[in-house]
Amino acid sequence: MTPLQYEKERVYALDEGGKLVAEITFPETAPGVYTMDHTFVDPSLRGQGMADKLVRAALEQIRENGGTPAATCSYAAAWLAKHPQ
């Protein structure tokens, strides 16, 4: 699977040609609250668990920052509802 790359408030993946193929963004929308507001997975990666991997990576960064996760992105909101821990 395509390796993830990390930036502040963003996790993404590029294909071998440098094209963006997966991304999640989670800006700090209030003090200590990081809102997952955008998740993208290229059709070539769909069905391989990439969106799940993105949300988990975002949550890891949010926790490392001592933050609280929130979501306006429909996928991330549904993911959080299924995984309340």
N, C-alpha and C. Protein backbone atom coordinates (compact mmCIF):
# COMPACT_ATOMS: atom_id res chain seq x y z
N MET A 1 0.84 -1.19 0.00
CA MET A 1 0.00 0.00 0.00
C MET A 1 0.88 1.24 0.00
N THR A 2 0.39 2.30 -0.57
CA THR A 2 1.12 3.56 -0.67
C THR A 2 1.44 4.10 0.72
N PRO A 3 2.70 4.48 0.98
CA PRO A 3 3.05 4.98 2.31
C PRO A 3 2.44 6.36 2.57
N LEU A 4 2.10 6.59 3.83
CA LEU A 4 1.54 7.88 4.23
C LEU A 4 2.66 8.87 4.51
N GLN A 5 2.36 10.12 4.26
CA GLN A 5 3.26 11.22 4.58
C GLN A 5 2.53 12.14 5.54
N TYR A 6 3.27 12.77 6.42
CA TYR A 6 2.67 13.55 7.49
C TYR A 6 3.10 15.01 7.43
N GLU A 7 2.14 15.89 7.63
CA GLU A 7 2.37 17.32 7.78
C GLU A 7 1.52 17.77 8.97
N LYS A 8 1.71 18.98 9.38
CA LYS A 8 0.87 19.53 10.44
C LYS A 8 -0.58 19.58 9.93
N GLU A 9 -1.47 18.90 10.67
CA GLU A 9 -2.91 18.91 10.38
C GLU A 9 -3.27 18.30 9.03
N ARG A 10 -2.40 17.41 8.52
CA ARG A 10 -2.66 16.76 7.23
C ARG A 10 -1.86 15.46 7.14
N VAL A 11 -2.51 14.42 6.61
CA VAL A 11 -1.85 13.16 6.28
C VAL A 11 -2.24 12.86 4.84
N TYR A 12 -1.28 12.43 4.03
CA TYR A 12 -1.57 12.19 2.62
C TYR A 12 -0.65 11.12 2.05
N ALA A 13 -0.99 10.70 0.83
CA ALA A 13 -0.17 9.72 0.12
C ALA A 13 -0.08 10.14 -1.34
N LEU A 14 1.09 9.90 -1.92
CA LEU A 14 1.33 10.18 -3.33
C LEU A 14 1.65 8.87 -4.04
N ASP A 15 1.30 8.80 -5.32
CA ASP A 15 1.70 7.62 -6.08
C ASP A 15 3.14 7.79 -6.55
N GLU A 16 3.65 6.83 -7.29
CA GLU A 16 5.04 6.86 -7.74
C GLU A 16 5.34 8.08 -8.60
N GLY A 17 4.34 8.61 -9.29
CA GLY A 17 4.52 9.78 -10.14
C GLY A 17 4.34 11.10 -9.41
N GLY A 18 4.05 11.06 -8.11
CA GLY A 18 3.88 12.28 -7.34
C GLY A 18 2.45 12.80 -7.30
N LYS A 19 1.51 12.05 -7.84
CA LYS A 19 0.10 12.45 -7.84
C LYS A 19 -0.52 12.15 -6.48
N LEU A 20 -1.30 13.10 -5.96
CA LEU A 20 -2.02 12.90 -4.70
C LEU A 20 -3.06 11.80 -4.90
N VAL A 21 -3.00 10.75 -4.06
CA VAL A 21 -3.95 9.65 -4.17
C VAL A 21 -4.76 9.43 -2.90
N ALA A 22 -4.40 10.10 -1.81
CA ALA A 22 -5.16 9.98 -0.57
C ALA A 22 -4.80 11.16 0.33
N GLU A 23 -5.81 11.64 1.08
CA GLU A 23 -5.55 12.80 1.95
C GLU A 23 -6.64 12.92 3.00
N ILE A 24 -6.24 13.36 4.19
CA ILE A 24 -7.17 13.79 5.22
C ILE A 24 -6.60 15.06 5.83
N THR A 25 -7.47 16.03 6.05
CA THR A 25 -7.05 17.27 6.70
C THR A 25 -7.84 17.42 7.99
N PHE A 26 -7.19 18.01 9.00
CA PHE A 26 -7.81 18.14 10.32
C PHE A 26 -7.29 19.40 11.01
N PRO A 27 -7.74 20.58 10.54
CA PRO A 27 -7.28 21.82 11.15
C PRO A 27 -7.79 21.98 12.58
N GLU A 28 -7.04 22.75 13.36
CA GLU A 28 -7.46 23.07 14.72
C GLU A 28 -8.53 24.16 14.60
N THR A 29 -9.77 23.82 14.87
CA THR A 29 -10.89 24.73 14.66
C THR A 29 -11.30 25.48 15.92
N ALA A 30 -10.83 25.02 17.05
CA ALA A 30 -11.02 25.68 18.34
C ALA A 30 -9.82 25.23 19.18
N PRO A 31 -9.51 25.92 20.26
CA PRO A 31 -8.35 25.51 21.05
C PRO A 31 -8.42 24.03 21.44
N GLY A 32 -7.48 23.25 20.92
CA GLY A 32 -7.38 21.83 21.24
C GLY A 32 -8.36 20.93 20.51
N VAL A 33 -9.17 21.47 19.60
CA VAL A 33 -10.13 20.67 18.84
C VAL A 33 -9.69 20.64 17.38
N TYR A 34 -9.44 19.43 16.90
CA TYR A 34 -9.01 19.24 15.52
C TYR A 34 -10.14 18.58 14.74
N THR A 35 -10.63 19.26 13.72
CA THR A 35 -11.79 18.78 12.98
C THR A 35 -11.37 18.15 11.66
N MET A 36 -11.64 16.86 11.53
CA MET A 36 -11.38 16.17 10.27
C MET A 36 -12.45 16.65 9.29
N ASP A 37 -12.02 17.47 8.34
CA ASP A 37 -12.98 18.14 7.46
C ASP A 37 -12.93 17.69 6.01
N HIS A 38 -11.98 16.83 5.68
CA HIS A 38 -11.83 16.42 4.28
C HIS A 38 -11.08 15.10 4.23
N THR A 39 -11.67 14.12 3.56
CA THR A 39 -11.00 12.85 3.30
C THR A 39 -11.15 12.55 1.82
N PHE A 40 -10.05 12.20 1.20
CA PHE A 40 -10.05 11.88 -0.23
C PHE A 40 -9.26 10.60 -0.45
N VAL A 41 -9.82 9.68 -1.23
CA VAL A 41 -9.10 8.48 -1.65
C VAL A 41 -9.35 8.31 -3.15
N ASP A 42 -8.28 8.23 -3.90
CA ASP A 42 -8.36 8.02 -5.33
C ASP A 42 -9.06 6.69 -5.62
N PRO A 43 -9.86 6.63 -6.70
CA PRO A 43 -10.55 5.38 -7.04
C PRO A 43 -9.60 4.17 -7.13
N SER A 44 -8.35 4.40 -7.51
CA SER A 44 -7.41 3.28 -7.64
C SER A 44 -7.09 2.62 -6.29
N LEU A 45 -7.37 3.31 -5.18
CA LEU A 45 -7.07 2.77 -3.84
C LEU A 45 -8.33 2.39 -3.06
N ARG A 46 -9.48 2.63 -3.62
CA ARG A 46 -10.71 2.36 -2.88
C ARG A 46 -10.87 0.87 -2.63
N GLY A 47 -11.46 0.55 -1.48
CA GLY A 47 -11.67 -0.84 -1.10
C GLY A 47 -10.45 -1.50 -0.49
N GLN A 48 -9.40 -0.72 -0.24
CA GLN A 48 -8.16 -1.26 0.33
C GLN A 48 -7.89 -0.78 1.75
N GLY A 49 -8.87 -0.10 2.35
CA GLY A 49 -8.71 0.36 3.73
C GLY A 49 -7.95 1.66 3.88
N MET A 50 -7.74 2.38 2.80
CA MET A 50 -6.95 3.61 2.87
C MET A 50 -7.64 4.68 3.71
N ALA A 51 -8.95 4.87 3.57
CA ALA A 51 -9.64 5.90 4.35
C ALA A 51 -9.53 5.60 5.84
N ASP A 52 -9.68 4.35 6.22
CA ASP A 52 -9.51 3.94 7.61
C ASP A 52 -8.11 4.28 8.10
N LYS A 53 -7.13 3.97 7.29
CA LYS A 53 -5.73 4.25 7.64
C LYS A 53 -5.50 5.75 7.82
N LEU A 54 -6.12 6.57 6.97
CA LEU A 54 -6.00 8.02 7.08
C LEU A 54 -6.59 8.53 8.39
N VAL A 55 -7.79 8.07 8.73
CA VAL A 55 -8.43 8.51 9.97
C VAL A 55 -7.59 8.10 11.17
N ARG A 56 -7.10 6.88 11.19
CA ARG A 56 -6.27 6.42 12.30
C ARG A 56 -4.99 7.26 12.44
N ALA A 57 -4.38 7.60 11.31
CA ALA A 57 -3.16 8.42 11.34
C ALA A 57 -3.47 9.83 11.84
N ALA A 58 -4.61 10.39 11.42
CA ALA A 58 -5.01 11.71 11.90
C ALA A 58 -5.25 11.68 13.41
N LEU A 59 -5.95 10.65 13.88
CA LEU A 59 -6.22 10.54 15.31
C LEU A 59 -4.93 10.42 16.11
N GLU A 60 -3.97 9.71 15.57
CA GLU A 60 -2.67 9.57 16.25
C GLU A 60 -2.01 10.95 16.41
N GLN A 61 -2.02 11.74 15.35
CA GLN A 61 -1.44 13.09 15.43
C GLN A 61 -2.23 13.97 16.40
N ILE A 62 -3.54 13.88 16.34
CA ILE A 62 -4.38 14.69 17.25
C ILE A 62 -4.07 14.35 18.69
N ARG A 63 -3.98 13.06 19.00
CA ARG A 63 -3.67 12.63 20.37
C ARG A 63 -2.27 13.08 20.78
N GLU A 64 -1.30 12.99 19.87
CA GLU A 64 0.06 13.44 20.18
C GLU A 64 0.09 14.92 20.52
N ASN A 65 -0.82 15.69 19.93
CA ASN A 65 -0.91 17.12 20.20
C ASN A 65 -1.77 17.41 21.43
N GLY A 66 -2.29 16.36 22.08
CA GLY A 66 -3.13 16.55 23.25
C GLY A 66 -4.51 17.07 22.90
N GLY A 67 -4.91 16.89 21.64
CA GLY A 67 -6.17 17.44 21.17
C GLY A 67 -7.33 16.48 21.26
N THR A 68 -8.48 17.03 20.91
CA THR A 68 -9.74 16.29 20.85
C THR A 68 -10.19 16.23 19.40
N PRO A 69 -10.56 15.05 18.90
CA PRO A 69 -11.01 14.96 17.52
C PRO A 69 -12.48 15.36 17.36
N ALA A 70 -12.77 15.91 16.19
CA ALA A 70 -14.13 16.21 15.77
C ALA A 70 -14.16 15.93 14.27
N ALA A 71 -15.35 15.92 13.67
CA ALA A 71 -15.42 15.65 12.23
C ALA A 71 -16.61 16.35 11.60
N THR A 72 -16.36 16.95 10.44
CA THR A 72 -17.43 17.44 9.58
C THR A 72 -17.46 16.63 8.29
N CYS A 73 -16.39 15.92 8.01
CA CYS A 73 -16.33 15.01 6.87
C CYS A 73 -17.23 13.81 7.18
N SER A 74 -18.08 13.44 6.24
CA SER A 74 -19.04 12.36 6.51
C SER A 74 -18.35 11.03 6.81
N TYR A 75 -17.28 10.70 6.10
CA TYR A 75 -16.59 9.43 6.37
C TYR A 75 -16.00 9.44 7.77
N ALA A 76 -15.29 10.51 8.12
CA ALA A 76 -14.65 10.58 9.44
C ALA A 76 -15.69 10.58 10.55
N ALA A 77 -16.82 11.28 10.35
CA ALA A 77 -17.87 11.30 11.37
C ALA A 77 -18.44 9.91 11.58
N ALA A 78 -18.69 9.17 10.50
CA ALA A 78 -19.21 7.81 10.61
C ALA A 78 -18.17 6.90 11.27
N TRP A 79 -16.89 7.08 10.95
CA TRP A 79 -15.82 6.29 11.54
C TRP A 79 -15.78 6.51 13.05
N LEU A 80 -15.85 7.77 13.46
CA LEU A 80 -15.81 8.08 14.90
C LEU A 80 -17.02 7.49 15.62
N ALA A 81 -18.17 7.51 14.99
CA ALA A 81 -19.37 6.94 15.60
C ALA A 81 -19.23 5.43 15.80
N LYS A 82 -18.54 4.76 14.87
CA LYS A 82 -18.33 3.31 14.98
C LYS A 82 -17.22 2.94 15.95
N HIS A 83 -16.31 3.88 16.21
CA HIS A 83 -15.15 3.63 17.08
C HIS A 83 -15.11 4.68 18.18
N PRO A 84 -16.02 4.64 19.15
CA PRO A 84 -16.09 5.69 20.16
C PRO A 84 -14.88 5.75 21.10
N GLN A 85 -14.07 4.71 21.14
CA GLN A 85 -12.90 4.71 22.00
C GLN A 85 -11.89 5.69 21.49
